Amino acid sequence: MPDPELHRIRDASITVVDATPKDHNSGDAYEIQVFGVSVLIRRRARWGPDTDVPYIHIENQGDDGLLLVEVNNSGEHEHRTRSEETAA
């Protein structure tokens, strides 16, 4: 893996990693970390018949286990960690 490039802005950090074609990445990968949430954004070179498709992975690394997510103005959706789902 190439050396990542790290940028810090207030409480956030952004890490940029060069594309790795062997992993089907058609561009650099960006990881944003803030408020205990990690967001990975990259483009996938192949996804079924499509090419150069945006890919986003969100992970809540905080202790509360609740993450509110909205995609394309479709309304907020609750996502809980597995441990929070079984406790509820």
PDB file of N, CA and C in Angstrom:
ATOM      1  N   MET A   1       0.845  -1.172   0.000  1.00  0.00           N
ATOM      2  CA  MET A   1       0.000   0.000   0.000  1.00  0.00           C
ATOM      3  C   MET A   1       0.891   1.235   0.000  1.00  0.00           C
ATOM      4  N   PRO A   2       0.577   2.212  -0.851  1.00  0.00           N
ATOM      5  CA  PRO A   2       1.362   3.446  -0.859  1.00  0.00           C
ATOM      6  C   PRO A   2       1.209   4.190   0.462  1.00  0.00           C
ATOM      7  N   ASP A   3       2.155   5.077   0.755  1.00  0.00           N
ATOM      8  CA  ASP A   3       2.078   5.869   1.983  1.00  0.00           C
ATOM      9  C   ASP A   3       0.859   6.776   1.950  1.00  0.00           C
ATOM     10  N   PRO A   4       0.029   6.749   2.996  1.00  0.00           N
ATOM     11  CA  PRO A   4      -1.135   7.640   3.035  1.00  0.00           C
ATOM     12  C   PRO A   4      -0.704   9.080   3.327  1.00  0.00           C
ATOM     13  N   GLU A   5      -1.520  10.013   2.869  1.00  0.00           N
ATOM     14  CA  GLU A   5      -1.303  11.434   3.114  1.00  0.00           C
ATOM     15  C   GLU A   5      -2.350  11.880   4.123  1.00  0.00           C
ATOM     16  N   LEU A   6      -1.946  12.477   5.229  1.00  0.00           N
ATOM     17  CA  LEU A   6      -2.862  12.845   6.307  1.00  0.00           C
ATOM     18  C   LEU A   6      -3.012  14.354   6.381  1.00  0.00           C
ATOM     19  N   HIS A   7      -4.273  14.814   6.494  1.00  0.00           N
ATOM     20  CA  HIS A   7      -4.585  16.240   6.661  1.00  0.00           C
ATOM     21  C   HIS A   7      -5.468  16.375   7.891  1.00  0.00           C
ATOM     22  N   ARG A   8      -5.183  17.353   8.723  1.00  0.00           N
ATOM     23  CA  ARG A   8      -6.008  17.599   9.911  1.00  0.00           C
ATOM     24  C   ARG A   8      -6.678  18.960   9.770  1.00  0.00           C
ATOM     25  N   ILE A   9      -7.982  18.983  10.032  1.00  0.00           N
ATOM     26  CA  ILE A   9      -8.769  20.207   9.975  1.00  0.00           C
ATOM     27  C   ILE A   9      -9.648  20.222  11.216  1.00  0.00           C
ATOM     28  N   ARG A  10      -9.378  21.128  12.126  1.00  0.00           N
ATOM     29  CA  ARG A  10     -10.073  21.215  13.409  1.00  0.00           C
ATOM     30  C   ARG A  10     -10.096  19.848  14.075  1.00  0.00           C
ATOM     31  N   ASP A  11     -11.300  19.273  14.318  1.00  0.00           N
ATOM     32  CA  ASP A  11     -11.402  17.967  14.984  1.00  0.00           C
ATOM     33  C   ASP A  11     -11.394  16.809  13.995  1.00  0.00           C
ATOM     34  N   ALA A  12     -11.293  17.099  12.711  1.00  0.00           N
ATOM     35  CA  ALA A  12     -11.389  16.060  11.683  1.00  0.00           C
ATOM     36  C   ALA A  12     -10.018  15.718  11.118  1.00  0.00           C
ATOM     37  N   SER A  13      -9.928  14.509  10.586  1.00  0.00           N
ATOM     38  CA  SER A  13      -8.738  14.128   9.828  1.00  0.00           C
ATOM     39  C   SER A  13      -9.192  13.519   8.511  1.00  0.00           C
ATOM     40  N   ILE A  14      -8.423  13.809   7.475  1.00  0.00           N
ATOM     41  CA  ILE A  14      -8.686  13.250   6.154  1.00  0.00           C
ATOM     42  C   ILE A  14      -7.418  12.543   5.711  1.00  0.00           C
ATOM     43  N   THR A  15      -7.549  11.271   5.401  1.00  0.00           N
ATOM     44  CA  THR A  15      -6.426  10.482   4.915  1.00  0.00           C
ATOM     45  C   THR A  15      -6.674  10.144   3.455  1.00  0.00           C
ATOM     46  N   VAL A  16      -5.676  10.362   2.612  1.00  0.00           N
ATOM     47  CA  VAL A  16      -5.774  10.070   1.185  1.00  0.00           C
ATOM     48  C   VAL A  16      -4.766   8.980   0.857  1.00  0.00           C
ATOM     49  N   VAL A  17      -5.254   7.931   0.188  1.00  0.00           N
ATOM     50  CA  VAL A  17      -4.397   6.813  -0.212  1.00  0.00           C
ATOM     51  C   VAL A  17      -4.495   6.666  -1.722  1.00  0.00           C
ATOM     52  N   ASP A  18      -3.357   6.498  -2.368  1.00  0.00           N
ATOM     53  CA  ASP A  18      -3.338   6.343  -3.823  1.00  0.00           C
ATOM     54  C   ASP A  18      -4.166   5.140  -4.265  1.00  0.00           C
ATOM     55  N   ALA A  19      -4.674   5.211  -5.474  1.00  0.00           N
ATOM     56  CA  ALA A  19      -5.464   4.125  -6.062  1.00  0.00           C
ATOM     57  C   ALA A  19      -4.666   2.835  -6.104  1.00  0.00           C
ATOM     58  N   THR A  20      -5.377   1.714  -5.936  1.00  0.00           N
ATOM     59  CA  THR A  20      -4.768   0.388  -6.045  1.00  0.00           C
ATOM     60  C   THR A  20      -5.602  -0.423  -7.035  1.00  0.00           C
ATOM     61  N   PRO A  21      -5.198  -0.422  -8.296  1.00  0.00           N
ATOM     62  CA  PRO A  21      -5.986  -1.113  -9.329  1.00  0.00           C
ATOM     63  C   PRO A  21      -6.231  -2.589  -9.038  1.00  0.00           C
ATOM     64  N   LYS A  22      -5.320  -3.252  -8.322  1.00  0.00           N
ATOM     65  CA  LYS A  22      -5.534  -4.677  -8.021  1.00  0.00           C
ATOM     66  C   LYS A  22      -6.738  -4.878  -7.104  1.00  0.00           C
ATOM     67  N   ASP A  23      -7.120  -3.812  -6.346  1.00  0.00           N
ATOM     68  CA  ASP A  23      -8.301  -3.874  -5.485  1.00  0.00           C
ATOM     69  C   ASP A  23      -9.538  -3.291  -6.167  1.00  0.00           C
ATOM     70  N   HIS A  24      -9.471  -3.104  -7.472  1.00  0.00           N
ATOM     71  CA  HIS A  24     -10.576  -2.569  -8.272  1.00  0.00           C
ATOM     72  C   HIS A  24     -10.926  -1.134  -7.909  1.00  0.00           C
ATOM     73  N   ASN A  25      -9.943  -0.352  -7.454  1.00  0.00           N
ATOM     74  CA  ASN A  25     -10.153   1.068  -7.184  1.00  0.00           C
ATOM     75  C   ASN A  25      -9.707   1.853  -8.402  1.00  0.00           C
ATOM     76  N   SER A  26     -10.595   2.688  -8.928  1.00  0.00           N
ATOM     77  CA  SER A  26     -10.220   3.458 -10.104  1.00  0.00           C
ATOM     78  C   SER A  26      -9.691   4.842  -9.746  1.00  0.00           C
ATOM     79  N   GLY A  27      -9.623   5.152  -8.460  1.00  0.00           N
ATOM     80  CA  GLY A  27      -9.094   6.440  -8.030  1.00  0.00           C
ATOM     81  C   GLY A  27      -8.614   6.350  -6.594  1.00  0.00           C
ATOM     82  N   ASP A  28      -8.125   7.466  -6.107  1.00  0.00           N
ATOM     83  CA  ASP A  28      -7.645   7.527  -4.727  1.00  0.00           C
ATOM     84  C   ASP A  28      -8.778   7.226  -3.751  1.00  0.00           C
ATOM     85  N   ALA A  29      -8.433   6.791  -2.550  1.00  0.00           N
ATOM     86  CA  ALA A  29      -9.402   6.554  -1.477  1.00  0.00           C
ATOM     87  C   ALA A  29      -9.246   7.655  -0.446  1.00  0.00           C
ATOM     88  N   TYR A  30     -10.374   8.142   0.071  1.00  0.00           N
ATOM     89  CA  TYR A  30     -10.393   9.213   1.063  1.00  0.00           C
ATOM     90  C   TYR A  30     -11.110   8.704   2.300  1.00  0.00           C
ATOM     91  N   GLU A  31     -10.472   8.837   3.458  1.00  0.00           N
ATOM     92  CA  GLU A  31     -11.122   8.475   4.710  1.00  0.00           C
ATOM     93  C   GLU A  31     -11.214   9.722   5.569  1.00  0.00           C
ATOM     94  N   ILE A  32     -12.438  10.054   5.962  1.00  0.00           N
ATOM     95  CA  ILE A  32     -12.697  11.200   6.823  1.00  0.00           C
ATOM     96  C   ILE A  32     -13.093  10.666   8.187  1.00  0.00           C
ATOM     97  N   GLN A  33     -12.446  11.157   9.235  1.00  0.00           N
ATOM     98  CA  GLN A  33     -12.771  10.743  10.600  1.00  0.00           C
ATOM     99  C   GLN A  33     -13.093  11.977  11.429  1.00  0.00           C
ATOM    100  N   VAL A  34     -14.293  11.980  12.025  1.00  0.00           N
ATOM    101  CA  VAL A  34     -14.706  13.067  12.901  1.00  0.00           C
ATOM    102  C   VAL A  34     -15.879  12.587  13.757  1.00  0.00           C
ATOM    103  N   PHE A  35     -15.955  13.036  14.991  1.00  0.00           N
ATOM    104  CA  PHE A  35     -17.041  12.692  15.919  1.00  0.00           C
ATOM    105  C   PHE A  35     -17.182  11.184  16.132  1.00  0.00           C
ATOM    106  N   GLY A  36     -16.110  10.429  16.021  1.00  0.00           N
ATOM    107  CA  GLY A  36     -16.176   8.985  16.204  1.00  0.00           C
ATOM    108  C   GLY A  36     -16.755   8.245  15.014  1.00  0.00           C
ATOM    109  N   VAL A  37     -16.881   8.939  13.884  1.00  0.00           N
ATOM    110  CA  VAL A  37     -17.415   8.328  12.669  1.00  0.00           C
ATOM    111  C   VAL A  37     -16.320   8.329  11.609  1.00  0.00           C
ATOM    112  N   SER A  38     -16.195   7.205  10.915  1.00  0.00           N
ATOM    113  CA  SER A  38     -15.239   7.079   9.825  1.00  0.00           C
ATOM    114  C   SER A  38     -16.014   6.894   8.524  1.00  0.00           C
ATOM    115  N   VAL A  39     -15.693   7.717   7.521  1.00  0.00           N
ATOM    116  CA  VAL A  39     -16.339   7.622   6.212  1.00  0.00           C
ATOM    117  C   VAL A  39     -15.250   7.372   5.176  1.00  0.00           C
ATOM    118  N   LEU A  40     -15.350   6.267   4.471  1.00  0.00           N
ATOM    119  CA  LEU A  40     -14.406   5.925   3.414  1.00  0.00           C
ATOM    120  C   LEU A  40     -15.104   6.177   2.084  1.00  0.00           C
ATOM    121  N   ILE A  41     -14.470   6.964   1.214  1.00  0.00           N
ATOM    122  CA  ILE A  41     -15.044   7.290  -0.087  1.00  0.00           C
ATOM    123  C   ILE A  41     -14.016   6.957  -1.158  1.00  0.00           C
ATOM    124  N   ARG A  42     -14.461   6.199  -2.146  1.00  0.00           N
ATOM    125  CA  ARG A  42     -13.581   5.872  -3.272  1.00  0.00           C
ATOM    126  C   ARG A  42     -14.437   5.533  -4.471  1.00  0.00           C
ATOM    127  N   ARG A  43     -13.813   5.249  -5.586  1.00  0.00           N
ATOM    128  CA  ARG A  43     -14.529   4.817  -6.782  1.00  0.00           C
ATOM    129  C   ARG A  43     -14.114   3.384  -7.076  1.00  0.00           C
ATOM    130  N   ARG A  44     -15.098   2.562  -7.389  1.00  0.00           N
ATOM    131  CA  ARG A  44     -14.808   1.174  -7.762  1.00  0.00           C
ATOM    132  C   ARG A  44     -14.700   1.092  -9.280  1.00  0.00           C
ATOM    133  N   ALA A  45     -13.653   0.454  -9.736  1.00  0.00           N
ATOM    134  CA  ALA A  45     -13.447   0.325 -11.174  1.00  0.00           C
ATOM    135  C   ALA A  45     -14.530  -0.546 -11.808  1.00  0.00           C
ATOM    136  N   ARG A  46     -14.997  -1.537 -11.056  1.00  0.00           N
ATOM    137  CA  ARG A  46     -16.024  -2.449 -11.598  1.00  0.00           C
ATOM    138  C   ARG A  46     -17.044  -2.753 -10.525  1.00  0.00           C
ATOM    139  N   TRP A  47     -18.302  -2.717 -10.899  1.00  0.00           N
ATOM    140  CA  TRP A  47     -19.397  -3.160 -10.036  1.00  0.00           C
ATOM    141  C   TRP A  47     -20.435  -3.765 -10.959  1.00  0.00           C
ATOM    142  N   GLY A  48     -20.369  -5.084 -11.119  1.00  0.00           N
ATOM    143  CA  GLY A  48     -21.242  -5.733 -12.091  1.00  0.00           C
ATOM    144  C   GLY A  48     -20.896  -5.209 -13.480  1.00  0.00           C
ATOM    145  N   PRO A  49     -21.906  -4.815 -14.233  1.00  0.00           N
ATOM    146  CA  PRO A  49     -21.633  -4.300 -15.588  1.00  0.00           C
ATOM    147  C   PRO A  49     -21.182  -2.832 -15.578  1.00  0.00           C
ATOM    148  N   ASP A  50     -21.317  -2.137 -14.434  1.00  0.00           N
ATOM    149  CA  ASP A  50     -20.965  -0.718 -14.368  1.00  0.00           C
ATOM    150  C   ASP A  50     -19.485  -0.537 -14.055  1.00  0.00           C
ATOM    151  N   THR A  51     -18.945   0.608 -14.442  1.00  0.00           N
ATOM    152  CA  THR A  51     -17.554   0.940 -14.144  1.00  0.00           C
ATOM    153  C   THR A  51     -17.479   2.308 -13.494  1.00  0.00           C
ATOM    154  N   ASP A  52     -16.423   2.527 -12.725  1.00  0.00           N
ATOM    155  CA  ASP A  52     -16.147   3.804 -12.077  1.00  0.00           C
ATOM    156  C   ASP A  52     -17.331   4.263 -11.221  1.00  0.00           C
ATOM    157  N   VAL A  53     -17.757   3.402 -10.289  1.00  0.00           N
ATOM    158  CA  VAL A  53     -18.931   3.633  -9.455  1.00  0.00           C
ATOM    159  C   VAL A  53     -18.515   4.168  -8.091  1.00  0.00           C
ATOM    160  N   PRO A  54     -19.179   5.240  -7.574  1.00  0.00           N
ATOM    161  CA  PRO A  54     -18.852   5.720  -6.229  1.00  0.00           C
ATOM    162  C   PRO A  54     -19.169   4.662  -5.178  1.00  0.00           C
ATOM    163  N   TYR A  55     -18.290   4.551  -4.176  1.00  0.00           N
ATOM    164  CA  TYR A  55     -18.460   3.608  -3.071  1.00  0.00           C
ATOM    165  C   TYR A  55     -18.235   4.380  -1.777  1.00  0.00           C
ATOM    166  N   ILE A  56     -19.155   4.230  -0.821  1.00  0.00           N
ATOM    167  CA  ILE A  56     -19.039   4.907   0.472  1.00  0.00           C
ATOM    168  C   ILE A  56     -19.262   3.881   1.578  1.00  0.00           C
ATOM    169  N   HIS A  57     -18.341   3.846   2.531  1.00  0.00           N
ATOM    170  CA  HIS A  57     -18.453   2.961   3.692  1.00  0.00           C
ATOM    171  C   HIS A  57     -18.455   3.847   4.930  1.00  0.00           C
ATOM    172  N   ILE A  58     -19.469   3.680   5.801  1.00  0.00           N
ATOM    173  CA  ILE A  58     -19.578   4.482   7.016  1.00  0.00           C
ATOM    174  C   ILE A  58     -19.497   3.552   8.216  1.00  0.00           C
ATOM    175  N   GLU A  59     -18.666   3.925   9.178  1.00  0.00           N
ATOM    176  CA  GLU A  59     -18.520   3.108  10.381  1.00  0.00           C
ATOM    177  C   GLU A  59     -18.564   4.008  11.602  1.00  0.00           C
ATOM    178  N   ASN A  60     -19.452   3.681  12.540  1.00  0.00           N
ATOM    179  CA  ASN A  60     -19.554   4.422  13.789  1.00  0.00           C
ATOM    180  C   ASN A  60     -18.597   3.795  14.783  1.00  0.00           C
ATOM    181  N   GLN A  61     -17.561   4.510  15.146  1.00  0.00           N
ATOM    182  CA  GLN A  61     -16.570   3.994  16.077  1.00  0.00           C
ATOM    183  C   GLN A  61     -16.804   4.526  17.482  1.00  0.00           C
ATOM    184  N   GLY A  62     -17.905   5.259  17.665  1.00  0.00           N
ATOM    185  CA  GLY A  62     -18.231   5.818  18.965  1.00  0.00           C
ATOM    186  C   GLY A  62     -18.854   4.787  19.884  1.00  0.00           C
ATOM    187  N   ASP A  63     -19.093   5.173  21.128  1.00  0.00           N
ATOM    188  CA  ASP A  63     -19.618   4.261  22.133  1.00  0.00           C
ATOM    189  C   ASP A  63     -21.135   4.161  22.131  1.00  0.00           C
ATOM    190  N   ASP A  64     -21.834   5.141  21.529  1.00  0.00           N
ATOM    191  CA  ASP A  64     -23.287   5.172  21.655  1.00  0.00           C
ATOM    192  C   ASP A  64     -24.001   4.142  20.781  1.00  0.00           C
ATOM    193  N   GLY A  65     -23.393   3.703  19.686  1.00  0.00           N
ATOM    194  CA  GLY A  65     -23.986   2.658  18.860  1.00  0.00           C
ATOM    195  C   GLY A  65     -25.071   3.111  17.923  1.00  0.00           C
ATOM    196  N   LEU A  66     -25.449   4.396  17.923  1.00  0.00           N
ATOM    197  CA  LEU A  66     -26.502   4.900  17.049  1.00  0.00           C
ATOM    198  C   LEU A  66     -25.898   5.829  16.014  1.00  0.00           C
ATOM    199  N   LEU A  67     -26.297   5.629  14.760  1.00  0.00           N
ATOM    200  CA  LEU A  67     -25.828   6.458  13.665  1.00  0.00           C
ATOM    201  C   LEU A  67     -27.044   6.828  12.825  1.00  0.00           C
ATOM    202  N   LEU A  68     -27.276   8.122  12.600  1.00  0.00           N
ATOM    203  CA  LEU A  68     -28.357   8.580  11.732  1.00  0.00           C
ATOM    204  C   LEU A  68     -27.761   8.873  10.369  1.00  0.00           C
ATOM    205  N   VAL A  69     -28.356   8.299   9.308  1.00  0.00           N
ATOM    206  CA  VAL A  69     -27.817   8.430   7.958  1.00  0.00           C
ATOM    207  C   VAL A  69     -28.935   8.850   7.010  1.00  0.00           C
ATOM    208  N   GLU A  70     -28.607   9.780   6.120  1.00  0.00           N
ATOM    209  CA  GLU A  70     -29.539  10.169   5.067  1.00  0.00           C
ATOM    210  C   GLU A  70     -28.797  10.105   3.739  1.00  0.00           C
ATOM    211  N   VAL A  71     -29.420   9.487   2.736  1.00  0.00           N
ATOM    212  CA  VAL A  71     -28.812   9.349   1.416  1.00  0.00           C
ATOM    213  C   VAL A  71     -29.730   9.998   0.392  1.00  0.00           C
ATOM    214  N   ASN A  72     -29.201  10.918  -0.387  1.00  0.00           N
ATOM    215  CA  ASN A  72     -29.939  11.576  -1.462  1.00  0.00           C
ATOM    216  C   ASN A  72     -31.290  12.133  -1.016  1.00  0.00           C
ATOM    217  N   ASN A  73     -31.328  12.775   0.142  1.00  0.00           N
ATOM    218  CA  ASN A  73     -32.550  13.403   0.656  1.00  0.00           C
ATOM    219  C   ASN A  73     -33.721  12.432   0.786  1.00  0.00           C
ATOM    220  N   SER A  74     -33.425  11.182   1.111  1.00  0.00           N
ATOM    221  CA  SER A  74     -34.477  10.160   1.223  1.00  0.00           C
ATOM    222  C   SER A  74     -35.008  10.015   2.642  1.00  0.00           C
ATOM    223  N   GLY A  75     -34.603  10.899   3.547  1.00  0.00           N
ATOM    224  CA  GLY A  75     -35.022  10.821   4.940  1.00  0.00           C
ATOM    225  C   GLY A  75     -33.971  10.136   5.791  1.00  0.00           C
ATOM    226  N   GLU A  76     -33.995  10.458   7.080  1.00  0.00           N
ATOM    227  CA  GLU A  76     -33.027   9.875   8.003  1.00  0.00           C
ATOM    228  C   GLU A  76     -33.391   8.438   8.336  1.00  0.00           C
ATOM    229  N   HIS A  77     -32.372   7.619   8.469  1.00  0.00           N
ATOM    230  CA  HIS A  77     -32.544   6.225   8.864  1.00  0.00           C
ATOM    231  C   HIS A  77     -31.606   5.949  10.024  1.00  0.00           C
ATOM    232  N   GLU A  78     -32.093   5.218  11.016  1.00  0.00           N
ATOM    233  CA  GLU A  78     -31.270   4.831  12.161  1.00  0.00           C
ATOM    234  C   GLU A  78     -30.503   3.561  11.853  1.00  0.00           C
ATOM    235  N   HIS A  79     -29.259   3.565  12.214  1.00  0.00           N
ATOM    236  CA  HIS A  79     -28.424   2.372  12.123  1.00  0.00           C
ATOM    237  C   HIS A  79     -27.772   2.190  13.479  1.00  0.00           C
ATOM    238  N   ARG A  80     -27.843   0.989  14.014  1.00  0.00           N
ATOM    239  CA  ARG A  80     -27.249   0.687  15.323  1.00  0.00           C
ATOM    240  C   ARG A  80     -26.199  -0.401  15.165  1.00  0.00           C
ATOM    241  N   THR A  81     -25.230  -0.378  16.076  1.00  0.00           N
ATOM    242  CA  THR A  81     -24.244  -1.452  16.063  1.00  0.00           C
ATOM    243  C   THR A  81     -24.943  -2.755  16.445  1.00  0.00           C
ATOM    244  N   ARG A  82     -24.369  -3.857  16.102  1.00  0.00           N
ATOM    245  CA  ARG A  82     -24.978  -5.159  16.389  1.00  0.00           C
ATOM    246  C   ARG A  82     -25.235  -5.340  17.887  1.00  0.00           C
ATOM    247  N   SER A  83     -24.302  -4.873  18.721  1.00  0.00           N
ATOM    248  CA  SER A  83     -24.493  -5.036  20.162  1.00  0.00           C
ATOM    249  C   SER A  83     -25.692  -4.221  20.654  1.00  0.00           C
ATOM    250  N   GLU A  84     -25.917  -3.050  20.046  1.00  0.00           N
ATOM    251  CA  GLU A  84     -27.072  -2.219  20.411  1.00  0.00           C
ATOM    252  C   GLU A  84     -28.370  -2.859  19.926  1.00  0.00           C
ATOM    253  N   GLU A  85     -28.353  -3.525  18.765  1.00  0.00           N
ATOM    254  CA  GLU A  85     -29.552  -4.171  18.227  1.00  0.00           C
ATOM    255  C   GLU A  85     -30.003  -5.308  19.144  1.00  0.00           C
ATOM    256  N   THR A  86     -29.060  -6.085  19.640  1.00  0.00           N
ATOM    257  CA  THR A  86     -29.428  -7.235  20.478  1.00  0.00           C
ATOM    258  C   THR A  86     -29.846  -6.795  21.874  1.00  0.00           C
ATOM    259  N   ALA A  87     -29.351  -5.647  22.335  1.00  0.00           N
ATOM    260  CA  ALA A  87     -29.704  -5.149  23.659  1.00  0.00           C
ATOM    261  C   ALA A  87     -31.094  -4.512  23.680  1.00  0.00           C
ATOM    262  N   ALA A  88     -31.569  -4.032  22.523  1.00  0.00           N
ATOM    263  CA  ALA A  88     -32.863  -3.332  22.455  1.00  0.00           C
ATOM    264  C   ALA A  88     -34.043  -4.285  22.513  1.00  0.00           C
TER     265      ALA A  88
END
